[in-house]
Amino acid sequence: MGNGLSEKSSCLSSVPFFQSFHIAILGLDSAGKTTVLYRLQFNEFVNTVPTKGFNAEKVKVSLSGHRTVTFHFWDVGGQEKLRPLWKSYTRGADGIIFVVDSVDVERMEEAKTELHKIAKISENQGVPVLVVANKQDLRHSLGLDEMEKLLALKELSPATPWHLQPTCAIIGDGLREGVDRLHEMILKHRKVLRQQKKKR
């Protein structure tokens, strides 16, 4: 589920294996950001406490097509007083992972506001966004269509590629697929930037 910018990139195989990507992991407090980070790093559930500042980890992730890609993840606390700092971590980011608690209907509007705020920053124009619909294993979790509507994903700038991925970070369901999709969107975005530079 995304905005149509997800065709397979033909340049995937030509990307140097040593290349790494800077990814900011954002979202409201208690959405599961740190659980996402450590599931990707250790491939196991790590019991976490609320992040007071940020966690930074360099993680090699195995993606489809037998590729291993290195990501620098910055997992930033989601408490209200920390959110003004988010833009410092998205500066120069290749992609953004925005984690949303699929069960927390009451805060969906707040999540939408913060997501749109960060996507509208001029430096983030065109930066791909992976929206992680976390806690999909829980009984009262919202479906993807409903989440897409409540988060107004179709109202994000046409320049912002996005993909909504259902996940359960505790057991890891859907995470690799989401990161795979984010990687594809990043490569496509870089290709567009290169073409624009050539035209100048």
Protein backbone atom coordinates (compact mmCIF):
# COMPACT_ATOMS: atom_id res chain seq x y z
CA MET A 1 0.00 0.00 0.00
CA GLY A 2 1.71 3.22 -1.12
CA ASN A 3 1.60 6.07 -3.57
CA GLY A 4 2.65 4.26 -6.69
CA LEU A 5 6.38 4.96 -6.59
CA SER A 6 7.28 1.39 -5.79
CA GLU A 7 8.18 -0.27 -9.10
CA LYS A 8 11.30 -2.40 -8.82
CA SER A 9 14.36 -0.32 -9.55
CA SER A 10 16.62 -1.67 -12.28
CA CYS A 11 19.66 -0.16 -10.61
CA LEU A 12 19.39 -2.38 -7.49
CA SER A 13 22.11 -4.78 -8.58
CA SER A 14 24.56 -1.99 -9.39
CA VAL A 15 24.52 -0.45 -5.91
CA PRO A 16 27.91 -0.85 -4.20
CA PHE A 17 27.68 -3.32 -1.31
CA PHE A 18 29.53 -0.95 1.05
CA GLN A 19 26.99 1.83 0.72
CA SER A 20 25.07 2.68 3.87
CA PHE A 21 21.85 4.59 4.45
CA HIS A 22 20.91 7.06 7.18
CA ILE A 23 17.38 6.34 8.50
CA ALA A 24 15.48 8.26 11.20
CA ILE A 25 12.97 6.17 13.19
CA LEU A 26 10.21 8.47 14.48
CA GLY A 27 6.72 8.18 15.96
CA LEU A 28 4.78 8.93 19.12
CA ASP A 29 5.99 7.55 22.45
CA SER A 30 5.06 3.88 23.04
CA ALA A 31 4.49 3.19 19.32
CA GLY A 32 7.27 0.57 19.30
CA LYS A 33 10.20 2.42 17.66
CA THR A 34 12.94 0.90 19.81
CA THR A 35 11.36 -2.56 19.49
CA VAL A 36 11.53 -2.10 15.69
CA LEU A 37 15.21 -1.07 15.90
CA TYR A 38 16.35 -3.98 18.05
CA ARG A 39 14.25 -6.53 16.17
CA LEU A 40 16.09 -5.43 13.00
CA GLN A 41 19.46 -5.50 14.76
CA PHE A 42 19.29 -8.72 16.77
CA ASN A 43 16.34 -10.47 15.11
CA GLU A 44 14.88 -11.03 18.56
CA PHE A 45 12.59 -9.22 20.98
CA VAL A 46 14.45 -6.88 23.35
CA ASN A 47 12.49 -5.53 26.32
CA THR A 48 12.84 -1.73 26.12
CA VAL A 49 12.18 1.33 28.27
CA PRO A 50 10.93 4.69 26.93
CA THR A 51 13.71 6.43 24.99
CA LYS A 52 14.73 9.66 26.73
CA GLY A 53 16.97 10.86 23.88
CA PHE A 54 17.93 8.61 21.00
CA ASN A 55 19.43 5.22 20.16
CA ALA A 56 21.86 4.97 17.24
CA GLU A 57 22.77 1.63 15.70
CA LYS A 58 24.55 0.51 12.54
CA VAL A 59 22.68 -2.56 11.31
CA LYS A 60 23.25 -4.92 8.40
CA VAL A 61 19.88 -6.07 7.08
CA SER A 62 19.40 -8.97 4.66
CA LEU A 63 16.95 -7.90 1.98
CA SER A 64 15.36 -9.78 -0.92
CA GLY A 65 17.60 -10.85 -3.78
CA HIS A 66 20.33 -11.98 -1.34
CA ARG A 67 21.43 -8.41 -0.71
CA THR A 68 22.82 -7.22 2.60
CA VAL A 69 22.46 -3.49 3.16
CA THR A 70 23.95 -1.40 5.96
CA PHE A 71 21.64 1.10 7.63
CA HIS A 72 22.49 3.73 10.25
CA PHE A 73 19.30 3.89 12.31
CA TRP A 74 18.55 6.83 14.61
CA ASP A 75 15.67 5.93 16.92
CA VAL A 76 14.48 9.19 18.49
CA GLY A 77 12.23 9.50 21.57
CA GLY A 78 8.60 10.33 20.79
CA GLN A 79 7.58 12.26 23.90
CA GLU A 80 6.07 15.64 23.07
CA LYS A 81 9.03 17.62 24.43
CA LEU A 82 11.45 15.65 22.20
CA ARG A 83 9.55 16.03 18.93
CA PRO A 84 11.01 19.46 18.04
CA LEU A 85 14.38 17.65 17.87
CA TRP A 86 13.19 15.24 15.18
CA LYS A 87 14.16 17.59 12.37
CA SER A 88 17.80 17.45 13.51
CA TYR A 89 17.79 13.69 12.92
CA THR A 90 16.01 13.82 9.55
CA ARG A 91 18.49 16.37 8.17
CA GLY A 92 20.34 14.54 5.41
CA ALA A 93 18.38 11.32 6.04
CA ASP A 94 17.94 8.89 3.16
CA GLY A 95 14.63 7.69 4.56
CA ILE A 96 12.22 7.97 7.48
CA ILE A 97 10.53 5.12 9.33
CA PHE A 98 7.43 6.43 11.10
CA VAL A 99 6.07 3.91 13.61
CA VAL A 100 2.36 4.02 14.51
CA ASP A 101 0.55 2.01 17.19
CA SER A 102 -2.32 0.39 15.24
CA VAL A 103 -4.40 -0.05 18.40
CA ASP A 104 -4.10 3.51 19.76
CA VAL A 105 -7.08 5.01 17.90
CA GLU A 106 -7.29 7.99 20.27
CA ARG A 107 -3.81 9.21 19.29
CA MET A 108 -4.09 8.57 15.54
CA GLU A 109 -4.85 12.26 14.90
CA GLU A 110 -1.76 13.25 16.90
CA ALA A 111 0.35 10.74 14.93
CA LYS A 112 -1.04 12.16 11.67
CA THR A 113 -0.16 15.73 12.72
CA GLU A 114 3.43 14.80 13.60
CA LEU A 115 3.93 12.73 10.44
CA HIS A 116 2.69 15.53 8.17
CA LYS A 117 4.74 18.11 10.08
CA ILE A 118 7.99 16.21 9.56
CA ALA A 119 7.21 15.37 5.90
CA LYS A 120 6.51 19.06 5.11
CA ILE A 121 9.95 20.30 6.20
CA SER A 122 11.65 21.52 3.03
CA GLU A 123 14.77 19.38 3.61
CA ASN A 124 12.57 16.29 3.79
CA GLN A 125 10.79 16.91 0.47
CA GLY A 126 11.10 13.72 -1.56
CA VAL A 127 12.60 11.69 1.31
CA PRO A 128 10.84 8.29 1.30
CA VAL A 129 8.68 7.42 4.31
CA LEU A 130 7.95 3.91 5.53
CA VAL A 131 4.89 4.04 7.79
CA VAL A 132 5.03 1.02 10.10
CA ALA A 133 1.56 -0.02 11.25
CA ASN A 134 2.82 -1.76 14.39
CA LYS A 135 0.95 -4.13 16.76
CA GLN A 136 -1.11 -5.66 13.95
CA ASP A 137 -1.20 -8.91 15.97
CA LEU A 138 -3.49 -7.34 18.58
CA ARG A 139 -7.23 -7.94 18.36
CA HIS A 140 -8.38 -4.31 18.16
CA SER A 141 -5.73 -3.12 15.69
CA LEU A 142 -7.00 -0.97 12.83
CA GLY A 143 -6.90 -2.28 9.27
CA LEU A 144 -4.56 -0.70 6.71
CA ASP A 145 -7.33 1.09 4.77
CA GLU A 146 -8.55 2.73 7.96
CA MET A 147 -5.04 3.71 9.01
CA GLU A 148 -4.30 5.17 5.58
CA LYS A 149 -7.42 7.31 5.90
CA LEU A 150 -6.84 8.40 9.53
CA LEU A 151 -3.19 9.30 8.83
CA ALA A 152 -4.25 11.06 5.58
CA LEU A 153 -1.35 9.43 3.76
CA LYS A 154 -2.74 10.39 0.35
CA GLU A 155 -2.50 14.04 1.44
CA LEU A 156 1.28 13.86 1.84
CA SER A 157 3.15 15.80 -0.82
CA PRO A 158 3.16 14.03 -4.22
CA ALA A 159 6.96 14.36 -4.01
CA THR A 160 7.05 12.15 -0.90
CA PRO A 161 7.09 8.42 -1.70
CA TRP A 162 5.48 6.40 1.10
CA HIS A 163 4.55 2.84 1.92
CA LEU A 164 2.27 1.58 4.72
CA GLN A 165 3.52 -1.73 6.12
CA PRO A 166 1.59 -3.94 8.57
CA THR A 167 3.96 -5.29 11.24
CA CYS A 168 4.30 -6.88 14.61
CA ALA A 169 7.70 -5.66 15.82
CA ILE A 170 7.76 -8.06 18.78
CA ILE A 171 7.92 -11.11 16.51
CA GLY A 172 9.28 -9.24 13.47
CA ASP A 173 6.38 -9.93 11.06
CA GLY A 174 6.44 -7.54 8.09
CA LEU A 175 9.53 -5.59 9.16
CA ARG A 176 12.01 -6.92 6.57
CA GLU A 177 9.43 -6.46 3.81
CA GLY A 178 8.91 -2.86 4.91
CA VAL A 179 12.64 -2.08 5.00
CA ASP A 180 13.01 -3.76 1.60
CA ARG A 181 10.35 -1.42 0.21
CA LEU A 182 12.00 1.60 1.88
CA HIS A 183 15.34 0.64 0.31
CA GLU A 184 13.71 0.46 -3.15
CA MET A 185 12.14 3.91 -2.66
CA ILE A 186 15.49 5.38 -1.53
CA LEU A 187 17.30 4.04 -4.60
CA LYS A 188 14.59 5.44 -6.85
CA HIS A 189 14.78 8.83 -5.11
CA ARG A 190 18.59 8.92 -5.51
CA LYS A 191 18.24 8.11 -9.20
CA VAL A 192 15.81 11.04 -9.63
CA LEU A 193 18.26 13.37 -7.81
CA ARG A 194 21.11 12.25 -10.08
CA GLN A 195 19.01 12.90 -13.18
CA GLN A 196 18.08 16.36 -11.91
CA LYS A 197 21.76 17.21 -11.33
CA LYS A 198 22.61 16.16 -14.89
CA LYS A 199 19.95 18.51 -16.29
CA ARG A 200 21.36 21.54 -14.49
